[in-house]
Amino acid sequence: MMRKQLLTLLLVLLVAGLAGCTVAPMQPADATTAMSEMSGADAMATEAPLPEPEPGKLTIVDVRARPAPLVGGTGAVYFTVLNGLDTAVQLVSAASPAANVVETHETIAEDGVMKMIPQLDGYPIPAGEALVLKPGGKHIMLIDVVKALEPGDEVNLTVNFDNGESMELTVPVLDMQMNMPMNMEMPDAAGAMAEHGDMAQHAEMAPSDLMVSPETKAAINGLPINDVRSIDEALNEGGAFDPAVALTTLDALMGQVNGASWPVELEESISAIKAKAEMLRGAIAGDDMAAAGPLAAELHDLLRAMEMHATE
């Protein structure tokens, strides 16, 4: 009888113990392996290895340009230079019949804001290493394009190095939204980074599409937009025109544009304004009023578009 009671008590305790336990389901080994392989695949997708430089040669690969839908707007060219030489070289400049101005630029982070900085000396390429031009980093800037660049078009580009070597490239214009390099760093959620290589022309943005800081609004409001309007009206509506005053206004505009820190979201607008202001100054200084009139109107339009960003 005692033995039967003990067995009953043990059975009750065992059932109670099992009822109080939660057994976590085991993850199948192959599922863990699959997750590991997936993580590896993601890492490979974001950090694609570069080709090895060919010994004794400079080689350019992965050549592409983004669209530039506006005449007089800006575009960008990206590629990778592989330096197989025994010495370092410098990519010092580039030229193209597709744009009136071609510059070497780099987008950098400064105080949490991505900014475009002209690299007047170009880019160094150490011996045996590579120079990568890509959205969000170094790039060749096409300023004041002579015609719209659409996906499927081609751009001729000459790249010059400090060792005297030059390379002629035929650059395909790609839809950068559809042909983004797999190892390109994407913008973060805060939207601080939006490299101009990946966006449509910023000059076309509605004010609601872009929020600018109070400092940027102050910089925009400080531009001599009304004075440029006066130049436009004098040249195109028959008003009194003083070339000396116009040149002073344009010099002041360039000084303020160059002296301010602009977010990368506005860099295309700023580049277009600078290019147009320089062309207008050259036309006025050369007494070419036939060219100056349209340039003044275009510059005024660019500044009015910029002014809209300060009204939000």
C-alpha atoms as a PDB file:
ATOM      1  CA  MET A   1       0.000   0.000   0.000  1.00  0.00           C
ATOM      2  CA  MET A   2       2.822   2.363   0.977  1.00  0.00           C
ATOM      3  CA  ARG A   3       4.651   1.512  -2.258  1.00  0.00           C
ATOM      4  CA  LYS A   4       1.542   2.312  -4.286  1.00  0.00           C
ATOM      5  CA  GLN A   5       1.170   5.720  -2.567  1.00  0.00           C
ATOM      6  CA  LEU A   6       4.819   6.537  -3.224  1.00  0.00           C
ATOM      7  CA  LEU A   7       4.421   5.670  -6.911  1.00  0.00           C
ATOM      8  CA  THR A   8       1.321   7.866  -7.105  1.00  0.00           C
ATOM      9  CA  LEU A   9       3.157  10.796  -5.472  1.00  0.00           C
ATOM     10  CA  LEU A  10       6.107  10.450  -7.854  1.00  0.00           C
ATOM     11  CA  LEU A  11       3.742  10.415 -10.839  1.00  0.00           C
ATOM     12  CA  VAL A  12       2.013  13.602  -9.640  1.00  0.00           C
ATOM     13  CA  LEU A  13       5.359  15.401  -9.156  1.00  0.00           C
ATOM     14  CA  LEU A  14       6.558  14.311 -12.596  1.00  0.00           C
ATOM     15  CA  VAL A  15       3.415  15.610 -14.300  1.00  0.00           C
ATOM     16  CA  ALA A  16       3.656  18.898 -12.403  1.00  0.00           C
ATOM     17  CA  GLY A  17       7.283  19.261 -13.386  1.00  0.00           C
ATOM     18  CA  LEU A  18       6.554  18.681 -17.058  1.00  0.00           C
ATOM     19  CA  ALA A  19       3.677  21.149 -16.988  1.00  0.00           C
ATOM     20  CA  GLY A  20       5.984  23.878 -15.651  1.00  0.00           C
ATOM     21  CA  CYS A  21       8.672  23.442 -18.370  1.00  0.00           C
ATOM     22  CA  THR A  22       8.805  25.187 -21.777  1.00  0.00           C
ATOM     23  CA  VAL A  23      10.949  23.486 -24.369  1.00  0.00           C
ATOM     24  CA  ALA A  24      12.269  25.902 -27.024  1.00  0.00           C
ATOM     25  CA  PRO A  25      12.087  24.437 -30.502  1.00  0.00           C
ATOM     26  CA  MET A  26      15.528  23.727 -31.943  1.00  0.00           C
ATOM     27  CA  GLN A  27      16.493  25.498 -35.100  1.00  0.00           C
ATOM     28  CA  PRO A  28      17.403  22.997 -37.820  1.00  0.00           C
ATOM     29  CA  ALA A  29      21.096  22.908 -38.550  1.00  0.00           C
ATOM     30  CA  ASP A  30      20.556  23.552 -42.236  1.00  0.00           C
ATOM     31  CA  ALA A  31      18.476  26.668 -41.441  1.00  0.00           C
ATOM     32  CA  THR A  32      21.344  28.058 -39.372  1.00  0.00           C
ATOM     33  CA  THR A  33      23.717  27.300 -42.229  1.00  0.00           C
ATOM     34  CA  ALA A  34      21.378  28.994 -44.702  1.00  0.00           C
ATOM     35  CA  MET A  35      21.227  32.135 -42.551  1.00  0.00           C
ATOM     36  CA  SER A  36      25.003  32.175 -42.306  1.00  0.00           C
ATOM     37  CA  GLU A  37      25.363  31.782 -46.061  1.00  0.00           C
ATOM     38  CA  MET A  38      22.807  34.542 -46.618  1.00  0.00           C
ATOM     39  CA  SER A  39      24.774  36.916 -44.399  1.00  0.00           C
ATOM     40  CA  GLY A  40      27.890  36.070 -46.363  1.00  0.00           C
ATOM     41  CA  ALA A  41      26.103  36.724 -49.622  1.00  0.00           C
ATOM     42  CA  ASP A  42      24.969  40.137 -48.365  1.00  0.00           C
ATOM     43  CA  ALA A  43      28.525  41.009 -47.396  1.00  0.00           C
ATOM     44  CA  MET A  44      29.775  39.995 -50.834  1.00  0.00           C
ATOM     45  CA  ALA A  45      27.016  42.023 -52.477  1.00  0.00           C
ATOM     46  CA  THR A  46      28.027  45.174 -50.650  1.00  0.00           C
ATOM     47  CA  GLU A  47      31.793  44.699 -50.985  1.00  0.00           C
ATOM     48  CA  ALA A  48      32.435  43.330 -54.448  1.00  0.00           C
ATOM     49  CA  PRO A  49      36.157  42.648 -54.914  1.00  0.00           C
ATOM     50  CA  LEU A  50      38.047  44.844 -57.360  1.00  0.00           C
ATOM     51  CA  PRO A  51      39.874  43.330 -60.331  1.00  0.00           C
ATOM     52  CA  GLU A  52      43.631  42.953 -59.998  1.00  0.00           C
ATOM     53  CA  PRO A  53      45.616  45.644 -61.868  1.00  0.00           C
ATOM     54  CA  GLU A  54      47.327  44.393 -65.013  1.00  0.00           C
ATOM     55  CA  PRO A  55      51.095  44.697 -64.462  1.00  0.00           C
ATOM     56  CA  GLY A  56      52.712  47.575 -66.320  1.00  0.00           C
ATOM     57  CA  LYS A  57      49.451  49.223 -67.365  1.00  0.00           C
ATOM     58  CA  LEU A  58      46.820  51.728 -66.346  1.00  0.00           C
ATOM     59  CA  THR A  59      43.364  50.276 -66.943  1.00  0.00           C
ATOM     60  CA  ILE A  60      39.930  51.857 -66.609  1.00  0.00           C
ATOM     61  CA  VAL A  61      36.908  49.629 -65.969  1.00  0.00           C
ATOM     62  CA  ASP A  62      33.270  49.894 -64.854  1.00  0.00           C
ATOM     63  CA  VAL A  63      32.670  53.100 -66.830  1.00  0.00           C
ATOM     64  CA  ARG A  64      29.232  54.705 -66.596  1.00  0.00           C
ATOM     65  CA  ALA A  65      27.452  58.064 -66.413  1.00  0.00           C
ATOM     66  CA  ARG A  66      24.166  59.059 -64.888  1.00  0.00           C
ATOM     67  CA  PRO A  67      21.463  60.852 -66.884  1.00  0.00           C
ATOM     68  CA  ALA A  68      21.342  64.647 -67.097  1.00  0.00           C
ATOM     69  CA  PRO A  69      17.823  65.499 -68.284  1.00  0.00           C
ATOM     70  CA  LEU A  70      18.328  69.282 -68.550  1.00  0.00           C
ATOM     71  CA  VAL A  71      20.392  71.218 -71.067  1.00  0.00           C
ATOM     72  CA  GLY A  72      22.732  73.371 -68.991  1.00  0.00           C
ATOM     73  CA  GLY A  73      22.364  71.033 -66.027  1.00  0.00           C
ATOM     74  CA  THR A  74      24.904  68.699 -64.479  1.00  0.00           C
ATOM     75  CA  GLY A  75      25.861  65.059 -64.821  1.00  0.00           C
ATOM     76  CA  ALA A  76      28.445  62.724 -63.348  1.00  0.00           C
ATOM     77  CA  VAL A  77      30.779  60.010 -64.612  1.00  0.00           C
ATOM     78  CA  TYR A  78      32.024  57.079 -62.552  1.00  0.00           C
ATOM     79  CA  PHE A  79      34.702  54.461 -63.205  1.00  0.00           C
ATOM     80  CA  THR A  80      37.568  52.534 -61.617  1.00  0.00           C
ATOM     81  CA  VAL A  81      41.231  53.070 -62.473  1.00  0.00           C
ATOM     82  CA  LEU A  82      43.562  50.100 -61.878  1.00  0.00           C
ATOM     83  CA  ASN A  83      47.193  51.113 -61.513  1.00  0.00           C
ATOM     84  CA  GLY A  84      49.446  48.243 -62.546  1.00  0.00           C
ATOM     85  CA  LEU A  85      52.509  50.496 -62.764  1.00  0.00           C
ATOM     86  CA  ASP A  86      55.441  50.398 -60.358  1.00  0.00           C
ATOM     87  CA  THR A  87      54.894  54.050 -59.416  1.00  0.00           C
ATOM     88  CA  ALA A  88      51.997  56.136 -58.179  1.00  0.00           C
ATOM     89  CA  VAL A  89      50.124  58.303 -60.671  1.00  0.00           C
ATOM     90  CA  GLN A  90      47.678  61.167 -60.339  1.00  0.00           C
ATOM     91  CA  LEU A  91      44.465  61.521 -62.299  1.00  0.00           C
ATOM     92  CA  VAL A  92      44.779  65.257 -62.859  1.00  0.00           C
ATOM     93  CA  SER A  93      41.882  66.232 -65.109  1.00  0.00           C
ATOM     94  CA  ALA A  94      39.162  65.179 -67.510  1.00  0.00           C
ATOM     95  CA  ALA A  95      37.510  66.769 -70.531  1.00  0.00           C
ATOM     96  CA  SER A  96      34.389  66.088 -72.562  1.00  0.00           C
ATOM     97  CA  PRO A  97      32.559  67.726 -75.465  1.00  0.00           C
ATOM     98  CA  ALA A  98      29.340  66.853 -73.609  1.00  0.00           C
ATOM     99  CA  ALA A  99      29.801  69.678 -71.065  1.00  0.00           C
ATOM    100  CA  ASN A 100      31.284  73.160 -70.992  1.00  0.00           C
ATOM    101  CA  VAL A 101      32.983  72.460 -67.659  1.00  0.00           C
ATOM    102  CA  VAL A 102      34.403  69.140 -66.416  1.00  0.00           C
ATOM    103  CA  GLU A 103      35.789  68.902 -62.875  1.00  0.00           C
ATOM    104  CA  THR A 104      37.076  66.294 -60.452  1.00  0.00           C
ATOM    105  CA  HIS A 105      34.861  66.260 -57.347  1.00  0.00           C
ATOM    106  CA  GLU A 106      34.424  64.306 -54.131  1.00  0.00           C
ATOM    107  CA  THR A 107      31.453  64.010 -51.800  1.00  0.00           C
ATOM    108  CA  ILE A 108      32.548  64.014 -48.167  1.00  0.00           C
ATOM    109  CA  ALA A 109      30.910  63.981 -44.743  1.00  0.00           C
ATOM    110  CA  GLU A 110      31.347  67.144 -42.708  1.00  0.00           C
ATOM    111  CA  ASP A 111      29.480  67.721 -39.442  1.00  0.00           C
ATOM    112  CA  GLY A 112      26.952  65.081 -40.367  1.00  0.00           C
ATOM    113  CA  VAL A 113      26.221  66.628 -43.781  1.00  0.00           C
ATOM    114  CA  MET A 114      27.417  65.256 -47.109  1.00  0.00           C
ATOM    115  CA  LYS A 115      29.061  67.971 -49.209  1.00  0.00           C
ATOM    116  CA  MET A 116      30.561  68.085 -52.671  1.00  0.00           C
ATOM    117  CA  ILE A 117      34.123  69.418 -52.782  1.00  0.00           C
ATOM    118  CA  PRO A 118      36.054  70.139 -56.014  1.00  0.00           C
ATOM    119  CA  GLN A 119      39.375  68.286 -56.054  1.00  0.00           C
ATOM    120  CA  LEU A 120      41.521  70.718 -58.033  1.00  0.00           C
ATOM    121  CA  ASP A 121      44.567  68.420 -58.051  1.00  0.00           C
ATOM    122  CA  GLY A 122      42.603  65.324 -59.028  1.00  0.00           C
ATOM    123  CA  TYR A 123      43.066  61.952 -57.367  1.00  0.00           C
ATOM    124  CA  PRO A 124      46.206  59.995 -56.440  1.00  0.00           C
ATOM    125  CA  ILE A 125      46.461  56.312 -57.352  1.00  0.00           C
ATOM    126  CA  PRO A 126      49.203  54.401 -55.500  1.00  0.00           C
ATOM    127  CA  ALA A 127      51.214  51.781 -57.376  1.00  0.00           C
ATOM    128  CA  GLY A 128      49.391  48.476 -57.571  1.00  0.00           C
ATOM    129  CA  GLU A 129      46.151  49.925 -56.227  1.00  0.00           C
ATOM    130  CA  ALA A 130      42.840  51.225 -57.557  1.00  0.00           C
ATOM    131  CA  LEU A 131      40.928  54.493 -57.681  1.00  0.00           C
ATOM    132  CA  VAL A 132      37.173  53.987 -57.429  1.00  0.00           C
ATOM    133  CA  LEU A 133      34.845  56.734 -58.630  1.00  0.00           C
ATOM    134  CA  LYS A 134      31.301  56.013 -57.480  1.00  0.00           C
ATOM    135  CA  PRO A 135      28.089  57.668 -56.286  1.00  0.00           C
ATOM    136  CA  GLY A 136      28.605  59.045 -52.813  1.00  0.00           C
ATOM    137  CA  GLY A 137      32.350  59.502 -53.285  1.00  0.00           C
ATOM    138  CA  LYS A 138      34.808  60.640 -55.938  1.00  0.00           C
ATOM    139  CA  HIS A 139      33.344  61.424 -59.352  1.00  0.00           C
ATOM    140  CA  ILE A 140      33.853  63.385 -62.555  1.00  0.00           C
ATOM    141  CA  MET A 141      31.367  66.262 -62.630  1.00  0.00           C
ATOM    142  CA  LEU A 142      29.888  67.408 -65.952  1.00  0.00           C
ATOM    143  CA  ILE A 143      28.725  71.001 -65.544  1.00  0.00           C
ATOM    144  CA  ASP A 144      26.562  72.883 -68.054  1.00  0.00           C
ATOM    145  CA  VAL A 145      25.904  69.906 -70.327  1.00  0.00           C
ATOM    146  CA  VAL A 146      25.384  70.928 -73.938  1.00  0.00           C
ATOM    147  CA  LYS A 147      22.485  68.520 -74.453  1.00  0.00           C
ATOM    148  CA  ALA A 148      20.333  66.303 -72.318  1.00  0.00           C
ATOM    149  CA  LEU A 149      21.898  62.929 -71.504  1.00  0.00           C
ATOM    150  CA  GLU A 150      19.372  60.107 -71.518  1.00  0.00           C
ATOM    151  CA  PRO A 151      19.815  56.404 -70.693  1.00  0.00           C
ATOM    152  CA  GLY A 152      21.245  54.741 -73.791  1.00  0.00           C
ATOM    153  CA  ASP A 153      23.287  57.793 -74.829  1.00  0.00           C
ATOM    154  CA  GLU A 154      27.090  57.793 -74.829  1.00  0.00           C
ATOM    155  CA  VAL A 155      29.536  60.444 -73.622  1.00  0.00           C
ATOM    156  CA  ASN A 156      33.088  60.874 -74.896  1.00  0.00           C
ATOM    157  CA  LEU A 157      35.501  61.579 -72.056  1.00  0.00           C
ATOM    158  CA  THR A 158      39.271  62.147 -71.990  1.00  0.00           C
ATOM    159  CA  VAL A 159      41.038  61.278 -68.736  1.00  0.00           C
ATOM    160  CA  ASN A 160      44.505  62.757 -68.145  1.00  0.00           C
ATOM    161  CA  PHE A 161      47.246  61.525 -65.795  1.00  0.00           C
ATOM    162  CA  ASP A 162      50.330  63.279 -64.482  1.00  0.00           C
ATOM    163  CA  ASN A 163      52.660  60.839 -66.260  1.00  0.00           C
ATOM    164  CA  GLY A 164      51.525  62.267 -69.598  1.00  0.00           C
ATOM    165  CA  GLU A 165      49.184  59.416 -70.397  1.00  0.00           C
ATOM    166  CA  SER A 166      45.619  60.135 -71.546  1.00  0.00           C
ATOM    167  CA  MET A 167      42.747  57.748 -72.144  1.00  0.00           C
ATOM    168  CA  GLU A 168      39.761  58.235 -74.436  1.00  0.00           C
ATOM    169  CA  LEU A 169      36.597  56.707 -73.011  1.00  0.00           C
ATOM    170  CA  THR A 170      33.165  56.094 -74.461  1.00  0.00           C
ATOM    171  CA  VAL A 171      30.883  56.280 -71.450  1.00  0.00           C
ATOM    172  CA  PRO A 172      27.389  54.761 -71.534  1.00  0.00           C
ATOM    173  CA  VAL A 173      24.639  56.750 -69.843  1.00  0.00           C
ATOM    174  CA  LEU A 174      22.771  54.398 -67.522  1.00  0.00           C
ATOM    175  CA  ASP A 175      19.626  54.636 -65.465  1.00  0.00           C
ATOM    176  CA  MET A 176      21.485  54.790 -62.169  1.00  0.00           C
ATOM    177  CA  GLN A 177      18.390  53.737 -60.230  1.00  0.00           C
ATOM    178  CA  MET A 178      18.442  50.455 -62.136  1.00  0.00           C
ATOM    179  CA  ASN A 179      22.198  49.992 -62.529  1.00  0.00           C
ATOM    180  CA  MET A 180      23.487  50.890 -59.088  1.00  0.00           C
ATOM    181  CA  PRO A 181      26.801  49.217 -58.232  1.00  0.00           C
ATOM    182  CA  MET A 182      26.304  46.366 -55.750  1.00  0.00           C
ATOM    183  CA  ASN A 183      29.027  47.688 -53.462  1.00  0.00           C
ATOM    184  CA  MET A 184      27.606  51.195 -53.285  1.00  0.00           C
ATOM    185  CA  GLU A 185      26.875  52.550 -49.813  1.00  0.00           C
ATOM    186  CA  MET A 186      23.236  53.546 -49.548  1.00  0.00           C
ATOM    187  CA  PRO A 187      21.910  56.642 -47.748  1.00  0.00           C
ATOM    188  CA  ASP A 188      20.914  56.222 -44.127  1.00  0.00           C
ATOM    189  CA  ALA A 189      17.379  56.661 -42.863  1.00  0.00           C
ATOM    190  CA  ALA A 190      17.993  60.253 -41.819  1.00  0.00           C
ATOM    191  CA  GLY A 191      18.571  61.125 -45.458  1.00  0.00           C
ATOM    192  CA  ALA A 192      21.796  62.962 -44.740  1.00  0.00           C
ATOM    193  CA  MET A 193      23.419  61.406 -47.766  1.00  0.00           C
ATOM    194  CA  ALA A 194      21.878  61.778 -51.190  1.00  0.00           C
ATOM    195  CA  GLU A 195      24.728  61.929 -53.631  1.00  0.00           C
ATOM    196  CA  HIS A 196      23.860  63.748 -56.783  1.00  0.00           C
ATOM    197  CA  GLY A 197      24.833  60.767 -58.816  1.00  0.00           C
ATOM    198  CA  ASP A 198      21.758  58.897 -57.678  1.00  0.00           C
ATOM    199  CA  MET A 199      19.117  61.578 -57.899  1.00  0.00           C
ATOM    200  CA  ALA A 200      17.274  63.425 -60.599  1.00  0.00           C
ATOM    201  CA  GLN A 201      18.281  67.007 -61.220  1.00  0.00           C
ATOM    202  CA  HIS A 202      17.965  68.782 -57.875  1.00  0.00           C
ATOM    203  CA  ALA A 203      17.251  72.059 -59.588  1.00  0.00           C
ATOM    204  CA  GLU A 204      13.869  70.597 -60.527  1.00  0.00           C
ATOM    205  CA  MET A 205      12.912  69.711 -56.937  1.00  0.00           C
ATOM    206  CA  ALA A 206       9.839  71.328 -55.499  1.00  0.00           C
ATOM    207  CA  PRO A 207      10.479  72.999 -52.155  1.00  0.00           C
ATOM    208  CA  SER A 208       8.410  70.328 -50.411  1.00  0.00           C
ATOM    209  CA  ASP A 209      10.830  67.674 -51.698  1.00  0.00           C
ATOM    210  CA  LEU A 210      13.795  69.142 -49.842  1.00  0.00           C
ATOM    211  CA  MET A 211      14.086  70.464 -46.314  1.00  0.00           C
ATOM    212  CA  VAL A 212      17.042  72.778 -45.815  1.00  0.00           C
ATOM    213  CA  SER A 213      18.635  73.959 -42.596  1.00  0.00           C
ATOM    214  CA  PRO A 214      18.245  77.505 -41.238  1.00  0.00           C
ATOM    215  CA  GLU A 215      21.907  78.133 -42.128  1.00  0.00           C
ATOM    216  CA  THR A 216      21.293  77.124 -45.744  1.00  0.00           C
ATOM    217  CA  LYS A 217      18.171  79.293 -45.921  1.00  0.00           C
ATOM    218  CA  ALA A 218      20.211  82.240 -44.634  1.00  0.00           C
ATOM    219  CA  ALA A 219      22.882  81.570 -47.284  1.00  0.00           C
ATOM    220  CA  ILE A 220      20.226  81.485 -50.021  1.00  0.00           C
ATOM    221  CA  ASN A 221      18.586  84.677 -48.774  1.00  0.00           C
ATOM    222  CA  GLY A 222      21.994  86.361 -48.773  1.00  0.00           C
ATOM    223  CA  LEU A 223      22.496  85.818 -52.515  1.00  0.00           C
ATOM    224  CA  PRO A 224      22.054  88.940 -54.687  1.00  0.00           C
ATOM    225  CA  ILE A 225      19.019  87.495 -56.459  1.00  0.00           C
ATOM    226  CA  ASN A 226      17.273  90.840 -56.914  1.00  0.00           C
ATOM    227  CA  ASP A 227      20.416  92.345 -58.411  1.00  0.00           C
ATOM    228  CA  VAL A 228      20.619  89.482 -60.907  1.00  0.00           C
ATOM    229  CA  ARG A 229      16.967  90.061 -61.720  1.00  0.00           C
ATOM    230  CA  SER A 230      17.870  93.678 -62.511  1.00  0.00           C
ATOM    231  CA  ILE A 231      20.580  92.470 -64.903  1.00  0.00           C
ATOM    232  CA  ASP A 232      18.067  90.128 -66.554  1.00  0.00           C
ATOM    233  CA  GLU A 233      15.486  92.875 -66.963  1.00  0.00           C
ATOM    234  CA  ALA A 234      18.025  95.395 -68.261  1.00  0.00           C
ATOM    235  CA  LEU A 235      19.370  93.006 -70.890  1.00  0.00           C
ATOM    236  CA  ASN A 236      16.086  91.454 -71.970  1.00  0.00           C
ATOM    237  CA  GLU A 237      13.492  94.198 -71.404  1.00  0.00           C
ATOM    238  CA  GLY A 238      15.399  97.240 -72.587  1.00  0.00           C
ATOM    239  CA  GLY A 239      16.242  98.782 -69.232  1.00  0.00           C
ATOM    240  CA  ALA A 240      19.331 100.802 -68.345  1.00  0.00           C
ATOM    241  CA  PHE A 241      22.336  98.486 -68.194  1.00  0.00           C
ATOM    242  CA  ASP A 242      25.633  99.258 -66.460  1.00  0.00           C
ATOM    243  CA  PRO A 243      28.264  96.592 -67.267  1.00  0.00           C
ATOM    244  CA  ALA A 244      30.473  97.596 -64.322  1.00  0.00           C
ATOM    245  CA  VAL A 245      27.606  97.194 -61.857  1.00  0.00           C
ATOM    246  CA  ALA A 246      26.650  93.871 -63.452  1.00  0.00           C
ATOM    247  CA  LEU A 247      30.207  92.538 -63.131  1.00  0.00           C
ATOM    248  CA  THR A 248      30.337  93.632 -59.500  1.00  0.00           C
ATOM    249  CA  THR A 249      27.050  91.803 -58.848  1.00  0.00           C
ATOM    250  CA  LEU A 250      28.307  88.626 -60.476  1.00  0.00           C
ATOM    251  CA  ASP A 251      31.573  88.776 -58.528  1.00  0.00           C
ATOM    252  CA  ALA A 252      29.585  89.171 -55.314  1.00  0.00           C
ATOM    253  CA  LEU A 253      27.363  86.239 -56.280  1.00  0.00           C
ATOM    254  CA  MET A 254      30.351  83.980 -56.960  1.00  0.00           C
ATOM    255  CA  GLY A 255      32.008  85.052 -53.725  1.00  0.00           C
ATOM    256  CA  GLN A 256      28.913  84.224 -51.676  1.00  0.00           C
ATOM    257  CA  VAL A 257      28.298  80.926 -53.469  1.00  0.00           C
ATOM    258  CA  ASN A 258      31.914  79.827 -53.033  1.00  0.00           C
ATOM    259  CA  GLY A 259      32.082  81.038 -49.444  1.00  0.00           C
ATOM    260  CA  ALA A 260      29.023  79.156 -48.172  1.00  0.00           C
ATOM    261  CA  SER A 261      28.719  75.497 -47.157  1.00  0.00           C
ATOM    262  CA  TRP A 262      26.017  73.843 -49.243  1.00  0.00           C
ATOM    263  CA  PRO A 263      24.362  70.480 -48.561  1.00  0.00           C
ATOM    264  CA  VAL A 264      24.858  67.866 -51.234  1.00  0.00           C
ATOM    265  CA  GLU A 265      21.149  67.994 -52.086  1.00  0.00           C
ATOM    266  CA  LEU A 266      21.699  71.473 -53.550  1.00  0.00           C
ATOM    267  CA  GLU A 267      25.076  70.887 -55.156  1.00  0.00           C
ATOM    268  CA  GLU A 268      23.709  70.487 -58.682  1.00  0.00           C
ATOM    269  CA  SER A 269      21.824  73.764 -58.392  1.00  0.00           C
ATOM    270  CA  ILE A 270      24.945  75.470 -57.036  1.00  0.00           C
ATOM    271  CA  SER A 271      27.157  74.023 -59.776  1.00  0.00           C
ATOM    272  CA  ALA A 272      24.706  75.187 -62.442  1.00  0.00           C
ATOM    273  CA  ILE A 273      24.535  78.681 -60.899  1.00  0.00           C
ATOM    274  CA  LYS A 274      28.329  78.957 -60.785  1.00  0.00           C
ATOM    275  CA  ALA A 275      28.736  77.806 -64.373  1.00  0.00           C
ATOM    276  CA  LYS A 276      26.040  80.153 -65.675  1.00  0.00           C
ATOM    277  CA  ALA A 277      27.374  83.112 -63.675  1.00  0.00           C
ATOM    278  CA  GLU A 278      30.876  82.566 -65.055  1.00  0.00           C
ATOM    279  CA  MET A 279      29.555  82.382 -68.603  1.00  0.00           C
ATOM    280  CA  LEU A 280      27.461  85.520 -68.119  1.00  0.00           C
ATOM    281  CA  ARG A 281      30.431  87.373 -66.673  1.00  0.00           C
ATOM    282  CA  GLY A 282      32.546  86.377 -69.654  1.00  0.00           C
ATOM    283  CA  ALA A 283      29.871  87.539 -72.096  1.00  0.00           C
ATOM    284  CA  ILE A 284      29.467  90.923 -70.380  1.00  0.00           C
ATOM    285  CA  ALA A 285      33.225  91.445 -70.049  1.00  0.00           C
ATOM    286  CA  GLY A 286      33.572  90.619 -73.738  1.00  0.00           C
ATOM    287  CA  ASP A 287      30.748  93.001 -74.661  1.00  0.00           C
ATOM    288  CA  ASP A 288      28.734  90.117 -76.146  1.00  0.00           C
ATOM    289  CA  MET A 289      25.273  91.326 -75.188  1.00  0.00           C
ATOM    290  CA  ALA A 290      23.576  88.913 -77.598  1.00  0.00           C
ATOM    291  CA  ALA A 291      24.908  86.019 -75.531  1.00  0.00           C
ATOM    292  CA  ALA A 292      24.551  87.837 -72.207  1.00  0.00           C
ATOM    293  CA  GLY A 293      20.764  88.255 -72.474  1.00  0.00           C
ATOM    294  CA  PRO A 294      19.827  84.542 -72.544  1.00  0.00           C
ATOM    295  CA  LEU A 295      22.498  83.754 -69.953  1.00  0.00           C
ATOM    296  CA  ALA A 296      21.112  86.379 -67.581  1.00  0.00           C
ATOM    297  CA  ALA A 297      17.608  84.947 -67.947  1.00  0.00           C
ATOM    298  CA  GLU A 298      18.848  81.420 -67.281  1.00  0.00           C
ATOM    299  CA  LEU A 299      20.854  82.520 -64.250  1.00  0.00           C
ATOM    300  CA  HIS A 300      17.861  84.407 -62.884  1.00  0.00           C
ATOM    301  CA  ASP A 301      15.677  81.303 -63.299  1.00  0.00           C
ATOM    302  CA  LEU A 302      18.235  79.150 -61.474  1.00  0.00           C
ATOM    303  CA  LEU A 303      18.384  81.606 -58.592  1.00  0.00           C
ATOM    304  CA  ARG A 304      14.607  81.836 -58.348  1.00  0.00           C
ATOM    305  CA  ALA A 305      14.437  78.034 -58.159  1.00  0.00           C
ATOM    306  CA  MET A 306      17.027  78.146 -55.398  1.00  0.00           C
ATOM    307  CA  GLU A 307      15.102  80.894 -53.613  1.00  0.00           C
ATOM    308  CA  MET A 308      12.064  78.629 -53.373  1.00  0.00           C
ATOM    309  CA  HIS A 309      13.973  76.347 -50.990  1.00  0.00           C
ATOM    310  CA  ALA A 310      14.276  79.222 -48.511  1.00  0.00           C
ATOM    311  CA  THR A 311      10.527  79.808 -48.352  1.00  0.00           C
ATOM    312  CA  GLU A 312       9.681  76.508 -46.640  1.00  0.00           C
END
